[in-house]
Amino acid sequence: KERAKPIEWEDNPGWIQKAIQYLINNVEFRLKLFSDSTVDAKAEDRKKSQGKEGKINMFGTLAAHIF
């Protein structure tokens, strides 16, 4: 199986900005994607966010927004 080409992030700074903006605007998504901490949730007096969909699907959602 041939490996996919690396993503050229350096040549496309707009992609990084889109990713950052999406993650800023979608807090619940961001917490699920980056594994929300029980300690952080308690400190912020909120429930821990747990992903019900797989991380591969979540990365697909983020990629769809960027590209």
PDB file of N, CA and C in Angstrom:
ATOM      1  N   LYS A   1       0.856  -1.188   0.000  1.00  0.00           N
ATOM      2  CA  LYS A   1       0.000   0.000   0.000  1.00  0.00           C
ATOM      3  C   LYS A   1       0.890   1.235   0.000  1.00  0.00           C
ATOM      4  N   GLU A   2       0.578   2.145  -0.890  1.00  0.00           N
ATOM      5  CA  GLU A   2       1.359   3.366  -1.001  1.00  0.00           C
ATOM      6  C   GLU A   2       0.924   4.386   0.050  1.00  0.00           C
ATOM      7  N   ARG A   3       1.898   5.007   0.652  1.00  0.00           N
ATOM      8  CA  ARG A   3       1.618   5.991   1.698  1.00  0.00           C
ATOM      9  C   ARG A   3       1.138   7.306   1.083  1.00  0.00           C
ATOM     10  N   ALA A   4       0.192   7.942   1.738  1.00  0.00           N
ATOM     11  CA  ALA A   4      -0.330   9.231   1.267  1.00  0.00           C
ATOM     12  C   ALA A   4       0.748  10.300   1.385  1.00  0.00           C
ATOM     13  N   LYS A   5       0.658  11.278   0.517  1.00  0.00           N
ATOM     14  CA  LYS A   5       1.610  12.398   0.564  1.00  0.00           C
ATOM     15  C   LYS A   5       1.372  13.209   1.831  1.00  0.00           C
ATOM     16  N   PRO A   6       2.429  13.772   2.400  1.00  0.00           N
ATOM     17  CA  PRO A   6       2.243  14.622   3.590  1.00  0.00           C
ATOM     18  C   PRO A   6       1.453  15.887   3.232  1.00  0.00           C
ATOM     19  N   ILE A   7       0.728  16.374   4.199  1.00  0.00           N
ATOM     20  CA  ILE A   7      -0.033  17.611   4.004  1.00  0.00           C
ATOM     21  C   ILE A   7       0.951  18.779   4.069  1.00  0.00           C
ATOM     22  N   GLU A   8       0.872  19.669   3.112  1.00  0.00           N
ATOM     23  CA  GLU A   8       1.793  20.803   3.004  1.00  0.00           C
ATOM     24  C   GLU A   8       1.293  22.003   3.828  1.00  0.00           C
ATOM     25  N   TRP A   9       1.324  21.852   5.146  1.00  0.00           N
ATOM     26  CA  TRP A   9       0.829  22.912   6.036  1.00  0.00           C
ATOM     27  C   TRP A   9       1.608  24.208   5.865  1.00  0.00           C
ATOM     28  N   GLU A  10       2.923  24.111   5.704  1.00  0.00           N
ATOM     29  CA  GLU A  10       3.765  25.315   5.614  1.00  0.00           C
ATOM     30  C   GLU A  10       3.420  26.183   4.411  1.00  0.00           C
ATOM     31  N   ASP A  11       3.001  25.538   3.331  1.00  0.00           N
ATOM     32  CA  ASP A  11       2.680  26.275   2.108  1.00  0.00           C
ATOM     33  C   ASP A  11       1.243  26.793   2.088  1.00  0.00           C
ATOM     34  N   ASN A  12       0.460  26.432   3.096  1.00  0.00           N
ATOM     35  CA  ASN A  12      -0.963  26.793   3.132  1.00  0.00           C
ATOM     36  C   ASN A  12      -1.379  27.265   4.526  1.00  0.00           C
ATOM     37  N   PRO A  13      -0.890  28.420   4.944  1.00  0.00           N
ATOM     38  CA  PRO A  13      -1.216  28.898   6.304  1.00  0.00           C
ATOM     39  C   PRO A  13      -2.715  29.114   6.521  1.00  0.00           C
ATOM     40  N   GLY A  14      -3.454  29.306   5.451  1.00  0.00           N
ATOM     41  CA  GLY A  14      -4.901  29.474   5.583  1.00  0.00           C
ATOM     42  C   GLY A  14      -5.567  28.222   6.140  1.00  0.00           C
ATOM     43  N   TRP A  15      -5.016  27.058   5.832  1.00  0.00           N
ATOM     44  CA  TRP A  15      -5.555  25.810   6.354  1.00  0.00           C
ATOM     45  C   TRP A  15      -5.429  25.772   7.870  1.00  0.00           C
ATOM     46  N   ILE A  16      -4.288  26.196   8.360  1.00  0.00           N
ATOM     47  CA  ILE A  16      -4.067  26.203   9.814  1.00  0.00           C
ATOM     48  C   ILE A  16      -5.048  27.167  10.479  1.00  0.00           C
ATOM     49  N   GLN A  17      -5.231  28.331   9.862  1.00  0.00           N
ATOM     50  CA  GLN A  17      -6.176  29.308  10.420  1.00  0.00           C
ATOM     51  C   GLN A  17      -7.601  28.769  10.437  1.00  0.00           C
ATOM     52  N   LYS A  18      -7.990  28.044   9.393  1.00  0.00           N
ATOM     53  CA  LYS A  18      -9.327  27.447   9.360  1.00  0.00           C
ATOM     54  C   LYS A  18      -9.487  26.415  10.476  1.00  0.00           C
ATOM     55  N   ALA A  19      -8.445  25.606  10.679  1.00  0.00           N
ATOM     56  CA  ALA A  19      -8.494  24.592  11.739  1.00  0.00           C
ATOM     57  C   ALA A  19      -8.612  25.256  13.103  1.00  0.00           C
ATOM     58  N   ILE A  20      -7.799  26.262  13.342  1.00  0.00           N
ATOM     59  CA  ILE A  20      -7.825  26.968  14.626  1.00  0.00           C
ATOM     60  C   ILE A  20      -9.187  27.611  14.850  1.00  0.00           C
ATOM     61  N   GLN A  21      -9.703  28.271  13.833  1.00  0.00           N
ATOM     62  CA  GLN A  21     -10.998  28.944  13.966  1.00  0.00           C
ATOM     63  C   GLN A  21     -12.110  27.942  14.252  1.00  0.00           C
ATOM     64  N   TYR A  22     -12.087  26.796  13.563  1.00  0.00           N
ATOM     65  CA  TYR A  22     -13.106  25.775  13.788  1.00  0.00           C
ATOM     66  C   TYR A  22     -13.034  25.259  15.226  1.00  0.00           C
ATOM     67  N   LEU A  23     -11.825  25.004  15.707  1.00  0.00           N
ATOM     68  CA  LEU A  23     -11.660  24.484  17.062  1.00  0.00           C
ATOM     69  C   LEU A  23     -12.016  25.524  18.125  1.00  0.00           C
ATOM     70  N   ILE A  24     -11.763  26.785  17.844  1.00  0.00           N
ATOM     71  CA  ILE A  24     -12.159  27.854  18.770  1.00  0.00           C
ATOM     72  C   ILE A  24     -13.682  27.960  18.834  1.00  0.00           C
ATOM     73  N   ASN A  25     -14.319  27.894  17.672  1.00  0.00           N
ATOM     74  CA  ASN A  25     -15.774  28.066  17.599  1.00  0.00           C
ATOM     75  C   ASN A  25     -16.564  26.839  18.035  1.00  0.00           C
ATOM     76  N   ASN A  26     -15.916  25.686  18.097  1.00  0.00           N
ATOM     77  CA  ASN A  26     -16.599  24.439  18.432  1.00  0.00           C
ATOM     78  C   ASN A  26     -15.936  23.796  19.649  1.00  0.00           C
ATOM     79  N   VAL A  27     -16.169  24.395  20.799  1.00  0.00           N
ATOM     80  CA  VAL A  27     -15.511  23.982  22.040  1.00  0.00           C
ATOM     81  C   VAL A  27     -15.796  22.514  22.365  1.00  0.00           C
ATOM     82  N   GLU A  28     -17.039  22.109  22.275  1.00  0.00           N
ATOM     83  CA  GLU A  28     -17.405  20.727  22.608  1.00  0.00           C
ATOM     84  C   GLU A  28     -16.657  19.738  21.707  1.00  0.00           C
ATOM     85  N   PHE A  29     -16.594  20.055  20.425  1.00  0.00           N
ATOM     86  CA  PHE A  29     -15.869  19.223  19.463  1.00  0.00           C
ATOM     87  C   PHE A  29     -14.391  19.156  19.853  1.00  0.00           C
ATOM     88  N   ARG A  30     -13.811  20.309  20.171  1.00  0.00           N
ATOM     89  CA  ARG A  30     -12.391  20.385  20.540  1.00  0.00           C
ATOM     90  C   ARG A  30     -12.101  19.551  21.786  1.00  0.00           C
ATOM     91  N   LEU A  31     -12.959  19.649  22.785  1.00  0.00           N
ATOM     92  CA  LEU A  31     -12.753  18.893  24.017  1.00  0.00           C
ATOM     93  C   LEU A  31     -12.809  17.392  23.750  1.00  0.00           C
ATOM     94  N   LYS A  32     -13.750  16.974  22.921  1.00  0.00           N
ATOM     95  CA  LYS A  32     -13.861  15.553  22.590  1.00  0.00           C
ATOM     96  C   LYS A  32     -12.649  15.081  21.785  1.00  0.00           C
ATOM     97  N   LEU A  33     -12.247  15.874  20.814  1.00  0.00           N
ATOM     98  CA  LEU A  33     -11.138  15.485  19.935  1.00  0.00           C
ATOM     99  C   LEU A  33      -9.832  15.344  20.707  1.00  0.00           C
ATOM    100  N   PHE A  34      -9.593  16.255  21.625  1.00  0.00           N
ATOM    101  CA  PHE A  34      -8.333  16.243  22.360  1.00  0.00           C
ATOM    102  C   PHE A  34      -8.474  15.667  23.764  1.00  0.00           C
ATOM    103  N   SER A  35      -9.453  14.799  23.957  1.00  0.00           N
ATOM    104  CA  SER A  35      -9.648  14.049  25.203  1.00  0.00           C
ATOM    105  C   SER A  35      -9.762  14.950  26.426  1.00  0.00           C
ATOM    106  N   ASP A  36     -10.954  15.407  26.659  1.00  0.00           N
ATOM    107  CA  ASP A  36     -11.264  16.260  27.807  1.00  0.00           C
ATOM    108  C   ASP A  36     -10.806  15.602  29.103  1.00  0.00           C
ATOM    109  N   SER A  37     -10.295  16.388  29.986  1.00  0.00           N
ATOM    110  CA  SER A  37      -9.782  15.914  31.266  1.00  0.00           C
ATOM    111  C   SER A  37     -10.853  16.002  32.357  1.00  0.00           C
ATOM    112  N   THR A  38     -10.955  14.966  33.165  1.00  0.00           N
ATOM    113  CA  THR A  38     -11.886  14.975  34.302  1.00  0.00           C
ATOM    114  C   THR A  38     -11.507  16.089  35.267  1.00  0.00           C
ATOM    115  N   VAL A  39     -10.228  16.262  35.487  1.00  0.00           N
ATOM    116  CA  VAL A  39      -9.735  17.306  36.397  1.00  0.00           C
ATOM    117  C   VAL A  39     -10.145  18.691  35.876  1.00  0.00           C
ATOM    118  N   ASP A  40      -9.947  18.928  34.588  1.00  0.00           N
ATOM    119  CA  ASP A  40     -10.325  20.224  34.012  1.00  0.00           C
ATOM    120  C   ASP A  40     -11.829  20.458  34.100  1.00  0.00           C
ATOM    121  N   ALA A  41     -12.602  19.430  33.796  1.00  0.00           N
ATOM    122  CA  ALA A  41     -14.060  19.557  33.852  1.00  0.00           C
ATOM    123  C   ALA A  41     -14.518  19.911  35.265  1.00  0.00           C
ATOM    124  N   LYS A  42     -13.962  19.244  36.271  1.00  0.00           N
ATOM    125  CA  LYS A  42     -14.332  19.544  37.663  1.00  0.00           C
ATOM    126  C   LYS A  42     -13.928  20.964  38.042  1.00  0.00           C
ATOM    127  N   ALA A  43     -12.727  21.362  37.630  1.00  0.00           N
ATOM    128  CA  ALA A  43     -12.239  22.707  37.951  1.00  0.00           C
ATOM    129  C   ALA A  43     -13.114  23.785  37.315  1.00  0.00           C
ATOM    130  N   GLU A  44     -13.685  23.480  36.142  1.00  0.00           N
ATOM    131  CA  GLU A  44     -14.537  24.436  35.438  1.00  0.00           C
ATOM    132  C   GLU A  44     -16.019  24.217  35.728  1.00  0.00           C
ATOM    133  N   ASP A  45     -16.319  23.332  36.679  1.00  0.00           N
ATOM    134  CA  ASP A  45     -17.684  23.036  37.117  1.00  0.00           C
ATOM    135  C   ASP A  45     -18.612  22.676  35.946  1.00  0.00           C
ATOM    136  N   ARG A  46     -18.168  21.683  35.172  1.00  0.00           N
ATOM    137  CA  ARG A  46     -18.954  21.218  34.036  1.00  0.00           C
ATOM    138  C   ARG A  46     -18.761  19.715  33.872  1.00  0.00           C
ATOM    139  N   LYS A  47     -19.614  19.114  33.054  1.00  0.00           N
ATOM    140  CA  LYS A  47     -19.478  17.685  32.763  1.00  0.00           C
ATOM    141  C   LYS A  47     -18.325  17.466  31.793  1.00  0.00           C
ATOM    142  N   LYS A  48     -17.684  16.327  31.930  1.00  0.00           N
ATOM    143  CA  LYS A  48     -16.611  15.950  31.012  1.00  0.00           C
ATOM    144  C   LYS A  48     -17.228  15.605  29.654  1.00  0.00           C
ATOM    145  N   SER A  49     -16.620  16.093  28.588  1.00  0.00           N
ATOM    146  CA  SER A  49     -17.081  15.787  27.236  1.00  0.00           C
ATOM    147  C   SER A  49     -16.436  14.499  26.767  1.00  0.00           C
ATOM    148  N   GLN A  50     -17.257  13.587  26.326  1.00  0.00           N
ATOM    149  CA  GLN A  50     -16.747  12.311  25.842  1.00  0.00           C
ATOM    150  C   GLN A  50     -17.206  12.101  24.415  1.00  0.00           C
ATOM    151  N   GLY A  51     -16.284  11.683  23.586  1.00  0.00           N
ATOM    152  CA  GLY A  51     -16.601  11.440  22.185  1.00  0.00           C
ATOM    153  C   GLY A  51     -17.378  10.154  21.995  1.00  0.00           C
ATOM    154  N   LYS A  52     -18.522  10.249  21.349  1.00  0.00           N
ATOM    155  CA  LYS A  52     -19.313   9.062  21.040  1.00  0.00           C
ATOM    156  C   LYS A  52     -18.967   8.559  19.649  1.00  0.00           C
ATOM    157  N   GLU A  53     -18.408   9.440  18.848  1.00  0.00           N
ATOM    158  CA  GLU A  53     -17.952   9.029  17.528  1.00  0.00           C
ATOM    159  C   GLU A  53     -16.439   8.854  17.584  1.00  0.00           C
ATOM    160  N   GLY A  54     -15.916   8.045  16.716  1.00  0.00           N
ATOM    161  CA  GLY A  54     -14.490   7.773  16.731  1.00  0.00           C
ATOM    162  C   GLY A  54     -13.662   8.982  16.331  1.00  0.00           C
ATOM    163  N   LYS A  55     -12.418   8.977  16.785  1.00  0.00           N
ATOM    164  CA  LYS A  55     -11.515  10.089  16.464  1.00  0.00           C
ATOM    165  C   LYS A  55     -11.282  10.192  14.961  1.00  0.00           C
ATOM    166  N   ILE A  56     -11.262   9.067  14.264  1.00  0.00           N
ATOM    167  CA  ILE A  56     -11.068   9.117  12.813  1.00  0.00           C
ATOM    168  C   ILE A  56     -12.201   9.920  12.175  1.00  0.00           C
ATOM    169  N   ASN A  57     -13.432   9.688  12.619  1.00  0.00           N
ATOM    170  CA  ASN A  57     -14.571  10.453  12.097  1.00  0.00           C
ATOM    171  C   ASN A  57     -14.461  11.921  12.458  1.00  0.00           C
ATOM    172  N   MET A  58     -13.986  12.202  13.659  1.00  0.00           N
ATOM    173  CA  MET A  58     -13.856  13.595  14.083  1.00  0.00           C
ATOM    174  C   MET A  58     -12.778  14.314  13.269  1.00  0.00           C
ATOM    175  N   PHE A  59     -11.662  13.627  13.016  1.00  0.00           N
ATOM    176  CA  PHE A  59     -10.630  14.230  12.168  1.00  0.00           C
ATOM    177  C   PHE A  59     -11.171  14.445  10.753  1.00  0.00           C
ATOM    178  N   GLY A  60     -12.051  13.549  10.299  1.00  0.00           N
ATOM    179  CA  GLY A  60     -12.692  13.720   8.998  1.00  0.00           C
ATOM    180  C   GLY A  60     -13.561  14.971   8.963  1.00  0.00           C
ATOM    181  N   THR A  61     -14.282  15.212  10.047  1.00  0.00           N
ATOM    182  CA  THR A  61     -15.112  16.420  10.153  1.00  0.00           C
ATOM    183  C   THR A  61     -14.239  17.663  10.091  1.00  0.00           C
ATOM    184  N   LEU A  62     -13.141  17.655  10.815  1.00  0.00           N
ATOM    185  CA  LEU A  62     -12.225  18.806  10.816  1.00  0.00           C
ATOM    186  C   LEU A  62     -11.611  18.993   9.432  1.00  0.00           C
ATOM    187  N   ALA A  63     -11.199  17.902   8.801  1.00  0.00           N
ATOM    188  CA  ALA A  63     -10.615  17.976   7.464  1.00  0.00           C
ATOM    189  C   ALA A  63     -11.619  18.526   6.453  1.00  0.00           C
ATOM    190  N   ALA A  64     -12.872  18.110   6.565  1.00  0.00           N
ATOM    191  CA  ALA A  64     -13.915  18.605   5.654  1.00  0.00           C
ATOM    192  C   ALA A  64     -14.074  20.118   5.794  1.00  0.00           C
ATOM    193  N   HIS A  65     -13.930  20.615   7.016  1.00  0.00           N
ATOM    194  CA  HIS A  65     -14.040  22.058   7.233  1.00  0.00           C
ATOM    195  C   HIS A  65     -12.828  22.803   6.643  1.00  0.00           C
ATOM    196  N   ILE A  66     -11.658  22.209   6.774  1.00  0.00           N
ATOM    197  CA  ILE A  66     -10.432  22.870   6.311  1.00  0.00           C
ATOM    198  C   ILE A  66     -10.312  22.845   4.795  1.00  0.00           C
ATOM    199  N   PHE A  67     -10.550  21.673   4.210  1.00  0.00           N
ATOM    200  CA  PHE A  67     -10.298  21.516   2.786  1.00  0.00           C
ATOM    201  C   PHE A  67     -11.577  21.623   1.985  1.00  0.00           C
TER     202      PHE A  67
END
